[in-house]
């Protein structure tokens, strides 16, 4: 999966209405809340077989930090 496709699909899952880039700060999104975190955990688990925990979610800042956590090698 390409990085921008991942960002776009995740933004759709989170029902983000604004433009999202790799530099978008997750916690700045109006749609970011505990339910958003749960959606994120499920999406990453289903698509990348990577398990995120509460500490991981707390440490994430941007969509790029999420890509880094998943592993940049998993993106084409």
C-alpha atoms as a PDB file:
ATOM      1  CA  UNK A   1       0.000   0.000   0.000  1.00  0.00           C
ATOM      2  CA  UNK A   2       1.263   3.461  -0.798  1.00  0.00           C
ATOM      3  CA  UNK A   3       1.687   5.808   2.144  1.00  0.00           C
ATOM      4  CA  UNK A   4      -0.737   8.440   0.826  1.00  0.00           C
ATOM      5  CA  UNK A   5      -3.358   5.758   0.099  1.00  0.00           C
ATOM      6  CA  UNK A   6      -2.991   4.566   3.687  1.00  0.00           C
ATOM      7  CA  UNK A   7      -3.375   8.111   5.017  1.00  0.00           C
ATOM      8  CA  UNK A   8      -6.451   8.703   2.852  1.00  0.00           C
ATOM      9  CA  UNK A   9      -8.089   5.391   3.816  1.00  0.00           C
ATOM     10  CA  UNK A  10      -7.422   5.921   7.514  1.00  0.00           C
ATOM     11  CA  UNK A  11      -8.784   9.471   7.316  1.00  0.00           C
ATOM     12  CA  UNK A  12     -11.928   8.035   5.715  1.00  0.00           C
ATOM     13  CA  UNK A  13     -12.224   5.423   8.481  1.00  0.00           C
ATOM     14  CA  UNK A  14     -11.906   8.197  11.072  1.00  0.00           C
ATOM     15  CA  UNK A  15     -14.457  10.281   9.122  1.00  0.00           C
ATOM     16  CA  UNK A  16     -12.054  13.220   8.865  1.00  0.00           C
ATOM     17  CA  UNK A  17     -13.595  15.970   6.792  1.00  0.00           C
ATOM     18  CA  UNK A  18     -10.452  18.084   6.276  1.00  0.00           C
ATOM     19  CA  UNK A  19      -7.438  17.481   4.029  1.00  0.00           C
ATOM     20  CA  UNK A  20      -4.934  15.117   5.664  1.00  0.00           C
ATOM     21  CA  UNK A  21      -1.208  14.756   4.962  1.00  0.00           C
ATOM     22  CA  UNK A  22       1.647  12.875   6.581  1.00  0.00           C
ATOM     23  CA  UNK A  23       2.336  15.990   8.679  1.00  0.00           C
ATOM     24  CA  UNK A  24      -1.232  16.260  10.017  1.00  0.00           C
ATOM     25  CA  UNK A  25      -1.245  16.057  13.803  1.00  0.00           C
ATOM     26  CA  UNK A  26      -3.692  13.388  14.951  1.00  0.00           C
ATOM     27  CA  UNK A  27      -4.668  15.114  18.192  1.00  0.00           C
ATOM     28  CA  UNK A  28      -5.467  18.332  16.298  1.00  0.00           C
ATOM     29  CA  UNK A  29      -8.256  16.585  14.364  1.00  0.00           C
ATOM     30  CA  UNK A  30     -11.776  17.333  15.595  1.00  0.00           C
ATOM     31  CA  UNK A  31     -12.574  13.671  14.936  1.00  0.00           C
ATOM     32  CA  UNK A  32      -9.746  12.372  17.165  1.00  0.00           C
ATOM     33  CA  UNK A  33     -11.069  10.843  20.385  1.00  0.00           C
ATOM     34  CA  UNK A  34     -11.024   7.487  22.168  1.00  0.00           C
ATOM     35  CA  UNK A  35     -13.250   5.965  19.475  1.00  0.00           C
ATOM     36  CA  UNK A  36     -10.848   7.243  16.823  1.00  0.00           C
ATOM     37  CA  UNK A  37      -7.995   5.563  18.672  1.00  0.00           C
ATOM     38  CA  UNK A  38      -9.914   2.279  18.692  1.00  0.00           C
ATOM     39  CA  UNK A  39     -10.642   2.593  14.960  1.00  0.00           C
ATOM     40  CA  UNK A  40      -6.957   3.282  14.359  1.00  0.00           C
ATOM     41  CA  UNK A  41      -5.885   0.227  16.371  1.00  0.00           C
ATOM     42  CA  UNK A  42      -8.311  -2.016  14.461  1.00  0.00           C
ATOM     43  CA  UNK A  43      -7.391  -0.604  11.060  1.00  0.00           C
ATOM     44  CA  UNK A  44      -3.659  -1.035  11.612  1.00  0.00           C
ATOM     45  CA  UNK A  45      -4.141  -4.547  12.997  1.00  0.00           C
ATOM     46  CA  UNK A  46      -6.346  -5.631  10.093  1.00  0.00           C
ATOM     47  CA  UNK A  47      -4.204  -4.120   7.339  1.00  0.00           C
ATOM     48  CA  UNK A  48      -0.651  -4.519   8.655  1.00  0.00           C
ATOM     49  CA  UNK A  49      -0.824  -7.209  11.351  1.00  0.00           C
ATOM     50  CA  UNK A  50       0.699  -4.716  13.806  1.00  0.00           C
ATOM     51  CA  UNK A  51      -0.722  -4.397  17.305  1.00  0.00           C
ATOM     52  CA  UNK A  52      -0.767  -0.917  18.813  1.00  0.00           C
ATOM     53  CA  UNK A  53      -1.267  -0.389  22.533  1.00  0.00           C
ATOM     54  CA  UNK A  54      -2.239   2.630  24.616  1.00  0.00           C
ATOM     55  CA  UNK A  55       1.382   3.742  24.993  1.00  0.00           C
ATOM     56  CA  UNK A  56       1.825   3.604  21.214  1.00  0.00           C
ATOM     57  CA  UNK A  57      -1.290   5.710  20.678  1.00  0.00           C
ATOM     58  CA  UNK A  58      -0.132   8.252  23.249  1.00  0.00           C
ATOM     59  CA  UNK A  59       3.278   8.514  21.568  1.00  0.00           C
ATOM     60  CA  UNK A  60       1.859   9.078  18.075  1.00  0.00           C
ATOM     61  CA  UNK A  61       1.879  12.665  16.907  1.00  0.00           C
ATOM     62  CA  UNK A  62       1.379  12.746  13.145  1.00  0.00           C
ATOM     63  CA  UNK A  63       0.261  10.350  10.447  1.00  0.00           C
ATOM     64  CA  UNK A  64       3.976  10.052   9.580  1.00  0.00           C
ATOM     65  CA  UNK A  65       4.752   8.908  13.114  1.00  0.00           C
ATOM     66  CA  UNK A  66       2.124   6.215  12.624  1.00  0.00           C
ATOM     67  CA  UNK A  67       3.753   5.145   9.346  1.00  0.00           C
ATOM     68  CA  UNK A  68       7.101   5.003  11.166  1.00  0.00           C
ATOM     69  CA  UNK A  69       5.569   2.891  13.955  1.00  0.00           C
ATOM     70  CA  UNK A  70       4.023   0.439  11.468  1.00  0.00           C
ATOM     71  CA  UNK A  71       7.299   0.296   9.536  1.00  0.00           C
ATOM     72  CA  UNK A  72       8.096   2.331   6.434  1.00  0.00           C
ATOM     73  CA  UNK A  73       9.138  -0.857   4.656  1.00  0.00           C
ATOM     74  CA  UNK A  74       5.468  -1.906   4.572  1.00  0.00           C
ATOM     75  CA  UNK A  75       4.636   1.002   2.283  1.00  0.00           C
ATOM     76  CA  UNK A  76       5.497   1.156  -1.390  1.00  0.00           C
END
